[in-house]
């Protein structure tokens, strides 16, 4: 008896896995520009070119170069003054290493004449912490007399946008938690956060003359 059957394919089919969905690779974020690349956007302002020297009968006067840079982007190389400022967003900046005794500065002033107040954006619970190395501050220059929280008159302020190590130009973060700053805690200096008090000291109209006394 003949048995009819279906023909068998000469090539046996191989079962293949179902195709898997291919996920497109995430785009690689562009690297942040280095501070060296940004340097050309900020005019270099040396500390020894802030004021006309020697001082004349009117006292300290800003140089024409300093006046031309008011409200402009500048970069300055110098050192943090070793001190504890009451303003949580401020540190003193000088062209040479210096120490500021907050309790006795009224009796004996040892700070350089060409002193700059650097203003940084506030971070809750943090303040600028002193570092010994030379740093570069990039920011906007602001001239004019203003009384600060600690009672001192500031005449030159730098609204900081970037801070870097002067040798490497690598960005550095100066603001550290107050609780980790043992020297500040031991000093008993109060710390005022402007953002919580809405305290903004007034700035006088700019003139080309800065008072001879910096207190």
N, C-alpha and C. Protein backbone atom coordinates (compact mmCIF):
# COMPACT_ATOMS: atom_id res chain seq x y z
N UNK A 1 0.85 -1.18 0.00
CA UNK A 1 0.00 0.00 0.00
C UNK A 1 0.88 1.22 0.00
N UNK A 2 0.53 2.20 -0.87
CA UNK A 2 1.31 3.43 -0.98
C UNK A 2 0.76 4.45 0.01
N UNK A 3 1.73 5.15 0.65
CA UNK A 3 1.38 6.21 1.60
C UNK A 3 1.86 7.51 1.03
N UNK A 4 0.94 8.44 0.80
CA UNK A 4 1.30 9.74 0.26
C UNK A 4 1.71 10.66 1.39
N UNK A 5 2.77 11.39 1.25
CA UNK A 5 3.24 12.34 2.28
C UNK A 5 3.67 13.62 1.61
N UNK A 6 3.74 14.66 2.43
CA UNK A 6 4.16 15.96 1.91
C UNK A 6 5.65 15.96 1.65
N UNK A 7 6.08 16.60 0.58
CA UNK A 7 7.52 16.63 0.30
C UNK A 7 8.27 17.38 1.38
N UNK A 8 9.46 16.96 1.68
CA UNK A 8 10.30 17.59 2.69
C UNK A 8 11.27 18.51 2.01
N UNK A 9 11.38 19.75 2.54
CA UNK A 9 12.32 20.70 1.94
C UNK A 9 13.72 20.16 2.06
N UNK A 10 14.48 20.39 1.02
CA UNK A 10 15.86 19.91 1.02
C UNK A 10 16.71 20.64 2.04
N UNK A 11 16.36 21.89 2.39
CA UNK A 11 17.11 22.67 3.36
C UNK A 11 16.25 22.87 4.59
N UNK A 12 16.73 22.40 5.69
CA UNK A 12 15.98 22.54 6.93
C UNK A 12 16.06 23.97 7.43
N UNK A 13 14.93 24.59 7.71
CA UNK A 13 14.93 25.97 8.18
C UNK A 13 15.40 26.03 9.62
N UNK A 14 16.21 27.05 9.95
CA UNK A 14 16.73 27.26 11.30
C UNK A 14 15.93 28.35 11.97
N UNK A 15 15.46 28.06 13.16
CA UNK A 15 14.67 29.05 13.90
C UNK A 15 15.57 30.17 14.39
N UNK A 16 15.26 31.41 14.08
CA UNK A 16 16.06 32.57 14.45
C UNK A 16 15.36 33.35 15.56
N UNK A 17 16.17 33.94 16.46
CA UNK A 17 15.56 34.73 17.54
C UNK A 17 14.90 35.98 16.98
N UNK A 18 13.87 36.43 17.67
CA UNK A 18 13.18 37.65 17.24
C UNK A 18 14.12 38.84 17.36
N UNK A 19 14.07 39.74 16.40
CA UNK A 19 14.95 40.92 16.45
C UNK A 19 14.66 41.77 17.68
N UNK A 20 15.71 42.25 18.33
CA UNK A 20 15.57 43.09 19.51
C UNK A 20 15.62 44.56 19.13
N UNK A 21 14.90 45.34 19.91
CA UNK A 21 14.89 46.78 19.64
C UNK A 21 16.26 47.37 19.95
N UNK A 22 16.75 48.20 19.08
CA UNK A 22 18.06 48.84 19.25
C UNK A 22 17.86 50.23 19.82
N UNK A 23 18.50 50.47 20.97
CA UNK A 23 18.40 51.78 21.61
C UNK A 23 19.51 52.69 21.12
N UNK A 24 19.14 53.84 20.65
CA UNK A 24 20.14 54.78 20.15
C UNK A 24 21.00 55.27 21.31
N UNK A 25 22.33 55.35 21.12
CA UNK A 25 23.20 55.82 22.21
C UNK A 25 22.88 57.26 22.59
N UNK A 26 22.96 57.53 23.90
CA UNK A 26 22.69 58.89 24.37
C UNK A 26 23.80 59.82 23.88
N UNK A 27 23.42 61.01 23.45
CA UNK A 27 24.44 61.94 22.98
C UNK A 27 25.39 62.32 24.12
N UNK A 28 26.68 62.38 23.82
CA UNK A 28 27.67 62.75 24.83
C UNK A 28 27.61 64.26 25.07
N UNK A 29 27.41 64.68 26.33
CA UNK A 29 27.33 66.12 26.58
C UNK A 29 28.64 66.81 26.25
N UNK A 30 28.52 68.00 25.73
CA UNK A 30 29.72 68.75 25.39
C UNK A 30 30.46 69.14 26.65
N UNK A 31 31.78 69.01 26.68
CA UNK A 31 32.53 69.37 27.89
C UNK A 31 32.41 70.85 28.20
N UNK A 32 32.35 71.15 29.49
CA UNK A 32 32.25 72.55 29.89
C UNK A 32 33.53 73.28 29.50
N UNK A 33 33.41 74.53 29.03
CA UNK A 33 34.61 75.26 28.63
C UNK A 33 35.53 75.48 29.82
N UNK A 34 36.85 75.28 29.61
CA UNK A 34 37.80 75.50 30.70
C UNK A 34 37.94 77.00 30.96
N UNK A 35 38.45 77.33 32.14
CA UNK A 35 38.61 78.74 32.48
C UNK A 35 39.69 79.38 31.63
N UNK A 36 40.63 78.60 31.13
CA UNK A 36 41.62 79.16 30.22
C UNK A 36 40.95 79.65 28.95
N UNK A 37 39.94 78.92 28.50
CA UNK A 37 39.22 79.33 27.29
C UNK A 37 38.40 80.59 27.53
N UNK A 38 37.96 80.79 28.79
CA UNK A 38 37.14 81.96 29.10
C UNK A 38 37.97 83.20 29.43
N UNK A 39 39.28 83.02 29.59
CA UNK A 39 40.12 84.12 30.06
C UNK A 39 40.04 85.35 29.16
N UNK A 40 39.96 85.13 27.86
CA UNK A 40 39.94 86.26 26.94
C UNK A 40 38.68 87.12 27.08
N UNK A 41 37.64 86.57 27.71
CA UNK A 41 36.42 87.33 27.89
C UNK A 41 36.51 88.29 29.08
N UNK A 42 37.56 88.14 29.89
CA UNK A 42 37.72 88.94 31.11
C UNK A 42 39.02 89.73 31.03
N UNK A 43 38.93 91.05 31.18
CA UNK A 43 40.12 91.89 31.14
C UNK A 43 40.94 91.68 32.40
N UNK A 44 42.25 91.58 32.26
CA UNK A 44 43.14 91.41 33.41
C UNK A 44 43.28 92.74 34.13
N UNK A 45 43.03 92.72 35.46
CA UNK A 45 43.15 93.93 36.27
C UNK A 45 44.10 93.64 37.42
N UNK A 46 45.36 94.10 37.34
CA UNK A 46 46.31 93.88 38.44
C UNK A 46 45.97 94.75 39.64
N UNK A 47 46.28 94.27 40.82
CA UNK A 47 46.01 95.03 42.04
C UNK A 47 46.76 96.35 42.05
N UNK A 48 47.99 96.36 41.55
CA UNK A 48 48.78 97.59 41.61
C UNK A 48 48.36 98.63 40.59
N UNK A 49 47.31 98.33 39.81
CA UNK A 49 46.80 99.30 38.86
C UNK A 49 45.41 99.80 39.22
N UNK A 50 44.94 99.46 40.44
CA UNK A 50 43.62 99.92 40.87
C UNK A 50 43.62 101.42 41.12
N UNK A 51 44.65 101.91 41.80
CA UNK A 51 44.70 103.32 42.21
C UNK A 51 45.91 104.02 41.61
N UNK A 52 45.78 105.34 41.48
CA UNK A 52 46.90 106.15 41.05
C UNK A 52 47.88 106.27 42.21
N UNK A 53 49.14 105.95 41.94
CA UNK A 53 50.18 106.02 42.96
C UNK A 53 51.34 106.87 42.47
N UNK A 54 51.88 107.73 43.33
CA UNK A 54 51.50 107.94 44.73
C UNK A 54 50.18 108.71 44.83
N UNK A 55 49.54 108.62 45.99
CA UNK A 55 48.27 109.32 46.19
C UNK A 55 48.49 110.83 46.19
N UNK A 56 47.53 111.55 45.60
CA UNK A 56 47.62 113.01 45.52
C UNK A 56 46.87 113.68 46.66
N UNK A 57 46.65 115.00 46.55
CA UNK A 57 45.97 115.74 47.62
C UNK A 57 44.52 115.28 47.84
N UNK A 58 43.92 114.66 46.83
CA UNK A 58 42.55 114.18 46.98
C UNK A 58 42.48 112.79 47.62
N UNK A 59 43.63 112.24 47.94
CA UNK A 59 43.65 110.89 48.47
C UNK A 59 43.76 109.87 47.36
N UNK A 60 43.28 108.68 47.61
CA UNK A 60 43.34 107.62 46.61
C UNK A 60 42.35 107.90 45.48
N UNK A 61 42.82 107.76 44.25
CA UNK A 61 41.97 107.93 43.07
C UNK A 61 42.13 106.71 42.17
N UNK A 62 41.02 106.25 41.63
CA UNK A 62 41.08 105.13 40.70
C UNK A 62 41.83 105.57 39.44
N UNK A 63 42.58 104.65 38.86
CA UNK A 63 43.22 104.95 37.58
C UNK A 63 42.16 105.00 36.49
N UNK A 64 42.51 105.62 35.37
CA UNK A 64 41.57 105.69 34.26
C UNK A 64 41.23 104.29 33.75
N UNK A 65 42.22 103.38 33.82
CA UNK A 65 41.98 102.02 33.38
C UNK A 65 40.96 101.31 34.25
N UNK A 66 41.06 101.54 35.58
CA UNK A 66 40.10 100.94 36.50
C UNK A 66 38.71 101.47 36.25
N UNK A 67 38.60 102.79 36.07
CA UNK A 67 37.29 103.40 35.83
C UNK A 67 36.66 102.87 34.54
N UNK A 68 37.49 102.64 33.53
CA UNK A 68 36.94 102.17 32.25
C UNK A 68 36.40 100.75 32.35
N UNK A 69 36.83 100.02 33.38
CA UNK A 69 36.39 98.63 33.54
C UNK A 69 35.21 98.49 34.50
N UNK A 70 34.72 99.60 35.04
CA UNK A 70 33.59 99.50 35.95
C UNK A 70 32.40 98.83 35.28
N UNK A 71 31.81 97.87 35.97
CA UNK A 71 30.67 97.10 35.48
C UNK A 71 31.04 96.22 34.29
N UNK A 72 32.34 95.92 34.13
CA UNK A 72 32.79 95.05 33.05
C UNK A 72 33.36 93.76 33.63
N UNK A 73 33.55 92.78 32.77
CA UNK A 73 34.12 91.51 33.19
C UNK A 73 35.64 91.65 33.34
N UNK A 74 36.15 91.29 34.51
CA UNK A 74 37.59 91.35 34.76
C UNK A 74 38.02 90.07 35.46
N UNK A 75 39.32 89.85 35.46
CA UNK A 75 39.90 88.76 36.24
C UNK A 75 41.07 89.31 37.04
N UNK A 76 41.19 88.86 38.28
CA UNK A 76 42.24 89.35 39.17
C UNK A 76 42.92 88.17 39.85
N UNK A 77 44.26 88.25 39.93
CA UNK A 77 45.06 87.23 40.59
C UNK A 77 45.50 87.75 41.96
N UNK A 78 45.30 86.95 42.99
CA UNK A 78 45.70 87.40 44.31
C UNK A 78 45.50 86.32 45.36
N UNK A 79 45.35 86.77 46.61
CA UNK A 79 45.23 85.85 47.74
C UNK A 79 44.02 86.21 48.59
N UNK A 80 43.36 85.17 49.10
CA UNK A 80 42.31 85.40 50.08
C UNK A 80 42.94 85.94 51.35
N UNK A 81 42.35 86.97 51.93
CA UNK A 81 42.80 87.45 53.24
C UNK A 81 42.32 86.45 54.28
N UNK A 82 43.21 86.10 55.19
CA UNK A 82 42.83 85.13 56.22
C UNK A 82 42.00 85.85 57.28
N UNK A 83 40.71 85.62 57.26
CA UNK A 83 39.80 86.31 58.17
C UNK A 83 38.45 85.59 58.15
N UNK A 84 37.54 86.06 58.99
CA UNK A 84 36.18 85.52 59.02
C UNK A 84 35.22 86.68 58.81
N UNK A 85 34.73 86.83 57.60
CA UNK A 85 33.81 87.93 57.33
C UNK A 85 32.41 87.56 57.81
N UNK A 86 31.71 88.54 58.32
CA UNK A 86 30.36 88.27 58.83
C UNK A 86 29.38 87.96 57.71
N UNK A 87 29.61 88.53 56.54
CA UNK A 87 28.74 88.29 55.39
C UNK A 87 29.05 86.92 54.80
N UNK A 88 28.04 86.05 54.73
CA UNK A 88 28.25 84.68 54.29
C UNK A 88 28.68 84.58 52.83
N UNK A 89 28.52 85.65 52.05
CA UNK A 89 28.87 85.60 50.65
C UNK A 89 30.07 86.45 50.28
N UNK A 90 30.87 86.88 51.26
CA UNK A 90 31.97 87.81 51.00
C UNK A 90 33.28 87.29 51.56
N UNK A 91 34.37 87.51 50.81
CA UNK A 91 35.71 87.36 51.38
C UNK A 91 36.58 88.50 50.86
N UNK A 92 37.60 88.86 51.64
CA UNK A 92 38.51 89.93 51.26
C UNK A 92 39.62 89.35 50.39
N UNK A 93 40.03 90.14 49.41
CA UNK A 93 40.96 89.69 48.37
C UNK A 93 42.06 90.73 48.23
N UNK A 94 43.31 90.28 48.20
CA UNK A 94 44.44 91.21 48.14
C UNK A 94 45.52 90.68 47.20
N UNK A 95 46.41 91.59 46.80
CA UNK A 95 47.48 91.19 45.90
C UNK A 95 48.62 90.46 46.58
N UNK A 96 48.67 90.52 47.92
CA UNK A 96 49.70 89.85 48.70
C UNK A 96 49.03 89.10 49.85
N UNK A 97 49.66 88.07 50.39
CA UNK A 97 49.07 87.36 51.54
C UNK A 97 48.88 88.32 52.72
N UNK A 98 47.75 88.22 53.40
CA UNK A 98 47.45 89.11 54.52
C UNK A 98 46.55 88.41 55.51
N UNK A 99 46.62 88.89 56.76
CA UNK A 99 45.77 88.39 57.82
C UNK A 99 44.97 89.55 58.38
N UNK A 100 43.67 89.34 58.59
CA UNK A 100 42.80 90.41 59.09
C UNK A 100 42.22 89.99 60.43
N UNK A 101 42.53 90.78 61.48
CA UNK A 101 41.97 90.53 62.80
C UNK A 101 40.67 91.29 62.91
N UNK A 102 39.57 90.59 62.83
CA UNK A 102 38.25 91.22 62.82
C UNK A 102 37.99 92.01 64.09
N UNK A 103 38.53 91.55 65.23
CA UNK A 103 38.22 92.20 66.51
C UNK A 103 39.03 93.47 66.73
N UNK A 104 40.22 93.58 66.11
CA UNK A 104 41.11 94.69 66.42
C UNK A 104 41.42 95.60 65.24
N UNK A 105 40.72 95.42 64.10
CA UNK A 105 41.11 96.20 62.93
C UNK A 105 40.85 97.69 63.10
N UNK A 106 39.94 98.08 64.00
CA UNK A 106 39.68 99.50 64.22
C UNK A 106 40.88 100.15 64.89
N UNK A 107 41.58 99.39 65.73
CA UNK A 107 42.72 99.94 66.45
C UNK A 107 43.98 99.92 65.61
N UNK A 108 44.15 98.92 64.79
CA UNK A 108 45.37 98.80 63.99
C UNK A 108 45.01 98.18 62.65
N UNK A 109 45.16 98.95 61.58
CA UNK A 109 44.82 98.48 60.23
C UNK A 109 46.07 97.94 59.54
N UNK A 110 46.06 96.67 59.20
CA UNK A 110 47.22 96.05 58.57
C UNK A 110 46.91 95.56 57.16
N UNK A 111 45.72 95.84 56.66
CA UNK A 111 45.34 95.36 55.34
C UNK A 111 45.90 96.25 54.25
N UNK A 112 46.17 95.67 53.07
CA UNK A 112 46.68 96.47 51.94
C UNK A 112 45.65 97.51 51.51
N UNK A 113 46.13 98.61 50.97
CA UNK A 113 45.23 99.67 50.50
C UNK A 113 44.37 99.18 49.33
N UNK A 114 44.98 98.44 48.42
CA UNK A 114 44.25 97.94 47.25
C UNK A 114 43.51 96.66 47.62
N UNK A 115 42.47 96.83 48.43
CA UNK A 115 41.70 95.70 48.92
C UNK A 115 40.42 95.55 48.10
N UNK A 116 40.05 94.31 47.81
CA UNK A 116 38.86 94.04 47.02
C UNK A 116 37.92 93.14 47.83
N UNK A 117 36.65 93.49 47.83
CA UNK A 117 35.63 92.63 48.42
C UNK A 117 35.08 91.73 47.32
N UNK A 118 35.20 90.43 47.48
CA UNK A 118 34.66 89.48 46.51
C UNK A 118 33.32 88.98 47.01
N UNK A 119 32.29 89.12 46.17
CA UNK A 119 30.93 88.69 46.51
C UNK A 119 30.60 87.42 45.73
N UNK A 120 30.23 86.38 46.46
CA UNK A 120 29.89 85.10 45.84
C UNK A 120 28.41 84.78 46.07
N UNK A 121 27.78 84.04 45.17
CA UNK A 121 26.40 83.61 45.42
C UNK A 121 26.34 82.78 46.69
N UNK A 122 25.31 83.02 47.49
CA UNK A 122 25.19 82.31 48.76
C UNK A 122 24.76 80.86 48.57
N UNK A 123 25.30 79.99 49.42
CA UNK A 123 24.85 78.61 49.55
C UNK A 123 24.49 78.42 51.01
N UNK A 124 23.28 77.98 51.27
CA UNK A 124 22.80 77.86 52.65
C UNK A 124 23.77 77.04 53.50
N UNK A 125 24.15 77.61 54.64
CA UNK A 125 25.00 76.90 55.58
C UNK A 125 26.47 76.89 55.22
N UNK A 126 26.86 77.60 54.18
CA UNK A 126 28.26 77.60 53.73
C UNK A 126 28.79 79.02 53.64
N UNK A 127 30.10 79.16 53.83
CA UNK A 127 30.77 80.44 53.65
C UNK A 127 32.13 80.19 52.99
N UNK A 128 32.72 81.22 52.36
CA UNK A 128 34.06 81.05 51.81
C UNK A 128 35.04 80.68 52.92
N UNK A 129 35.86 79.68 52.64
CA UNK A 129 36.86 79.20 53.60
C UNK A 129 38.25 79.52 53.07
N UNK A 130 39.10 80.08 53.92
CA UNK A 130 40.42 80.55 53.51
C UNK A 130 41.27 79.45 52.92
N UNK A 131 41.96 79.77 51.83
CA UNK A 131 42.92 78.87 51.21
C UNK A 131 44.22 79.64 51.01
N UNK A 132 45.36 78.98 51.22
CA UNK A 132 46.62 79.70 51.16
C UNK A 132 47.14 79.96 49.75
N UNK A 133 46.68 79.22 48.75
CA UNK A 133 47.28 79.35 47.43
C UNK A 133 46.77 80.60 46.69
N UNK A 134 47.53 80.99 45.69
CA UNK A 134 47.14 82.11 44.83
C UNK A 134 45.96 81.67 43.97
N UNK A 135 44.95 82.54 43.87
CA UNK A 135 43.75 82.20 43.11
C UNK A 135 43.45 83.29 42.08
N UNK A 136 42.65 82.93 41.11
CA UNK A 136 42.16 83.88 40.10
C UNK A 136 40.65 83.97 40.24
N UNK A 137 40.15 85.19 40.37
CA UNK A 137 38.71 85.41 40.47
C UNK A 137 38.24 86.07 39.18
N UNK A 138 37.25 85.48 38.54
CA UNK A 138 36.63 86.01 37.33
C UNK A 138 35.27 86.58 37.73
N UNK A 139 35.00 87.81 37.32
CA UNK A 139 33.70 88.37 37.67
C UNK A 139 33.50 89.76 37.13
N UNK A 140 32.47 90.43 37.65
CA UNK A 140 32.12 91.78 37.21
C UNK A 140 32.59 92.79 38.24
N UNK A 141 33.29 93.81 37.76
CA UNK A 141 33.86 94.83 38.63
C UNK A 141 32.80 95.85 39.02
N UNK A 142 32.80 96.22 40.29
CA UNK A 142 31.85 97.22 40.80
C UNK A 142 32.62 98.21 41.66
N UNK A 143 32.56 99.50 41.29
CA UNK A 143 33.27 100.55 42.01
C UNK A 143 32.28 101.46 42.72
N UNK A 144 32.72 102.05 43.82
CA UNK A 144 31.87 102.96 44.58
C UNK A 144 31.85 102.58 46.05
N UNK A 145 31.69 103.57 46.91
CA UNK A 145 31.71 103.33 48.35
C UNK A 145 30.42 102.65 48.81
N UNK A 146 30.57 101.63 49.64
CA UNK A 146 29.42 100.92 50.19
C UNK A 146 29.77 100.40 51.57
N UNK A 147 28.89 100.59 52.53
CA UNK A 147 29.15 100.08 53.86
C UNK A 147 28.72 98.62 53.93
N UNK A 148 29.65 97.78 54.38
CA UNK A 148 29.37 96.35 54.47
C UNK A 148 28.80 95.99 55.83
N UNK A 149 28.38 94.75 55.96
CA UNK A 149 27.75 94.28 57.19
C UNK A 149 28.67 94.44 58.39
N UNK A 150 29.99 94.28 58.17
CA UNK A 150 30.92 94.37 59.30
C UNK A 150 31.30 95.81 59.64
N UNK A 151 30.69 96.78 58.96
CA UNK A 151 30.97 98.18 59.24
C UNK A 151 32.04 98.79 58.37
N UNK A 152 32.79 97.98 57.64
CA UNK A 152 33.85 98.48 56.77
C UNK A 152 33.26 99.06 55.48
N UNK A 153 33.90 100.10 54.95
CA UNK A 153 33.51 100.63 53.65
C UNK A 153 34.28 99.89 52.57
N UNK A 154 33.57 99.33 51.63
CA UNK A 154 34.23 98.73 50.47
C UNK A 154 34.19 99.73 49.32
N UNK A 155 35.27 99.78 48.54
CA UNK A 155 35.36 100.70 47.41
C UNK A 155 35.50 99.96 46.08
N UNK A 156 36.02 98.73 46.15
CA UNK A 156 36.16 97.90 44.95
C UNK A 156 35.56 96.54 45.27
N UNK A 157 34.60 96.13 44.47
CA UNK A 157 33.96 94.83 44.66
C UNK A 157 34.03 94.03 43.36
N UNK A 158 34.17 92.75 43.52
CA UNK A 158 34.21 91.84 42.38
C UNK A 158 33.10 90.82 42.56
N UNK A 159 32.08 90.88 41.69
CA UNK A 159 30.97 89.94 41.75
C UNK A 159 31.42 88.66 41.06
N UNK A 160 31.80 87.67 41.86
CA UNK A 160 32.47 86.47 41.34
C UNK A 160 31.56 85.61 40.48
N UNK A 161 32.11 85.15 39.37
CA UNK A 161 31.44 84.19 38.50
C UNK A 161 32.19 82.86 38.48
N UNK A 162 33.53 82.92 38.57
CA UNK A 162 34.36 81.72 38.61
C UNK A 162 35.55 82.00 39.52
N UNK A 163 36.03 80.94 40.18
CA UNK A 163 37.25 81.02 40.97
C UNK A 163 38.13 79.84 40.58
N UNK A 164 39.43 80.10 40.36
CA UNK A 164 40.33 79.04 39.90
C UNK A 164 41.67 79.15 40.60
N UNK A 165 42.38 78.04 40.65
CA UNK A 165 43.77 78.06 41.09
C UNK A 165 44.59 78.79 40.02
N UNK A 166 45.38 79.75 40.43
CA UNK A 166 46.08 80.59 39.45
C UNK A 166 47.07 79.79 38.60
N UNK A 167 47.69 78.76 39.16
CA UNK A 167 48.68 78.00 38.40
C UNK A 167 48.03 77.10 37.36
N UNK A 168 47.02 76.38 37.75
CA UNK A 168 46.40 75.39 36.87
C UNK A 168 45.16 75.90 36.16
N UNK A 169 44.56 76.96 36.70
CA UNK A 169 43.28 77.47 36.20
C UNK A 169 42.16 76.45 36.32
N UNK A 170 42.35 75.48 37.22
CA UNK A 170 41.28 74.53 37.50
C UNK A 170 40.27 75.18 38.45
N UNK A 171 38.97 75.04 38.19
CA UNK A 171 37.97 75.64 39.08
C UNK A 171 38.08 75.08 40.50
N UNK A 172 37.86 75.93 41.48
CA UNK A 172 37.85 75.49 42.87
C UNK A 172 36.61 76.05 43.56
N UNK A 173 36.13 75.34 44.56
CA UNK A 173 34.96 75.76 45.33
C UNK A 173 35.44 76.20 46.71
N UNK A 174 35.26 77.49 47.00
CA UNK A 174 35.73 78.05 48.26
C UNK A 174 34.71 77.91 49.39
N UNK A 175 33.44 77.74 49.05
CA UNK A 175 32.40 77.73 50.08
C UNK A 175 32.28 76.34 50.70
N UNK A 176 32.49 76.30 52.03
CA UNK A 176 32.43 75.06 52.78
C UNK A 176 31.40 75.19 53.90
N UNK A 177 30.85 74.06 54.36
CA UNK A 177 29.90 74.13 55.47
C UNK A 177 30.52 74.82 56.69
N UNK A 178 29.76 75.70 57.31
CA UNK A 178 30.26 76.43 58.47
C UNK A 178 30.65 75.46 59.58
N UNK A 179 29.87 74.38 59.74
CA UNK A 179 30.15 73.43 60.81
C UNK A 179 31.51 72.76 60.67
N UNK A 180 32.07 72.73 59.46
CA UNK A 180 33.37 72.11 59.24
C UNK A 180 34.52 73.10 59.35
N UNK A 181 34.20 74.38 59.51
CA UNK A 181 35.23 75.40 59.65
C UNK A 181 35.48 75.65 61.14
N UNK A 182 36.35 74.86 61.72
CA UNK A 182 36.56 74.91 63.16
C UNK A 182 37.05 76.28 63.63
N UNK A 183 37.95 76.89 62.86
CA UNK A 183 38.48 78.20 63.27
C UNK A 183 37.37 79.23 63.32
N UNK A 184 36.50 79.21 62.33
CA UNK A 184 35.37 80.15 62.32
C UNK A 184 34.44 79.89 63.49
N UNK A 185 34.14 78.65 63.74
CA UNK A 185 33.25 78.32 64.85
C UNK A 185 33.86 78.76 66.18
N UNK A 186 35.17 78.56 66.34
CA UNK A 186 35.83 78.92 67.59
C UNK A 186 35.94 80.43 67.77
N UNK A 187 35.98 81.17 66.67
CA UNK A 187 36.14 82.63 66.75
C UNK A 187 34.90 83.33 67.30
N UNK A 188 33.75 82.69 67.13
CA UNK A 188 32.51 83.31 67.60
C UNK A 188 31.98 84.40 66.69
N UNK A 189 32.58 84.57 65.49
CA UNK A 189 32.11 85.58 64.55
C UNK A 189 30.72 85.19 64.05
N UNK A 190 29.79 86.12 64.06
CA UNK A 190 28.45 85.84 63.56
C UNK A 190 28.50 85.70 62.04
N UNK A 191 27.53 85.00 61.49
CA UNK A 191 27.45 84.82 60.04
C UNK A 191 26.07 85.25 59.57
N UNK A 192 26.05 86.21 58.65
CA UNK A 192 24.80 86.78 58.17
C UNK A 192 24.57 86.34 56.72
N UNK A 193 23.40 85.76 56.46
CA UNK A 193 23.01 85.38 55.10
C UNK A 193 22.07 86.44 54.56
N UNK A 194 22.47 87.13 53.52
CA UNK A 194 21.63 88.19 52.95
C UNK A 194 20.31 87.66 52.43
N UNK A 195 20.35 86.47 51.83
CA UNK A 195 19.14 85.94 51.20
C UNK A 195 18.02 85.74 52.21
N UNK A 196 18.38 85.46 53.47
CA UNK A 196 17.36 85.22 54.48
C UNK A 196 16.89 86.51 55.14
N UNK A 197 17.70 87.58 55.01
CA UNK A 197 17.35 88.84 55.66
C UNK A 197 16.98 89.95 54.68
N UNK A 198 17.25 89.68 53.39
CA UNK A 198 16.96 90.70 52.39
C UNK A 198 17.78 91.95 52.58
N UNK A 199 18.99 91.79 53.10
CA UNK A 199 19.84 92.93 53.42
C UNK A 199 20.78 93.23 52.26
N UNK A 200 20.62 94.37 51.63
CA UNK A 200 21.49 94.78 50.54
C UNK A 200 22.03 96.17 50.83
N UNK A 201 23.30 96.28 51.23
CA UNK A 201 23.86 97.59 51.55
C UNK A 201 23.79 98.53 50.35
N UNK A 202 23.56 99.82 50.58
CA UNK A 202 23.50 100.78 49.48
C UNK A 202 24.87 101.07 48.90
N UNK A 203 24.90 101.37 47.62
CA UNK A 203 26.13 101.75 46.94
C UNK A 203 26.04 103.20 46.53
N UNK A 204 27.05 103.99 46.89
CA UNK A 204 27.06 105.40 46.51
C UNK A 204 27.37 105.55 45.03
N UNK A 205 27.03 106.73 44.48
CA UNK A 205 27.35 107.00 43.09
C UNK A 205 28.85 106.98 42.90
N UNK A 206 29.30 106.45 41.77
CA UNK A 206 30.72 106.31 41.49
C UNK A 206 31.35 107.67 41.22
N UNK A 207 32.51 107.88 41.83
CA UNK A 207 33.37 109.00 41.50
C UNK A 207 34.75 108.44 41.25
N UNK A 208 35.66 109.26 40.73
CA UNK A 208 36.99 108.77 40.45
C UNK A 208 37.89 108.86 41.68
N UNK A 209 37.32 109.27 42.81
CA UNK A 209 38.09 109.39 44.02
C UNK A 209 37.58 108.40 45.06
N UNK A 210 38.49 107.66 45.65
CA UNK A 210 38.15 106.74 46.74
C UNK A 210 38.70 107.33 48.03
N UNK A 211 37.96 107.28 49.13
CA UNK A 211 38.46 107.83 50.38
C UNK A 211 39.79 107.24 50.78
N UNK A 212 40.65 108.04 51.39
CA UNK A 212 41.98 107.57 51.76
C UNK A 212 41.92 106.53 52.86
N UNK A 213 40.89 106.58 53.69
CA UNK A 213 40.72 105.57 54.72
C UNK A 213 39.82 104.47 54.20
N UNK A 214 40.17 103.24 54.47
CA UNK A 214 39.40 102.10 53.97
C UNK A 214 38.62 101.45 55.08
N UNK A 215 38.31 102.18 56.13
CA UNK A 215 37.46 101.65 57.17
C UNK A 215 36.12 102.32 57.11
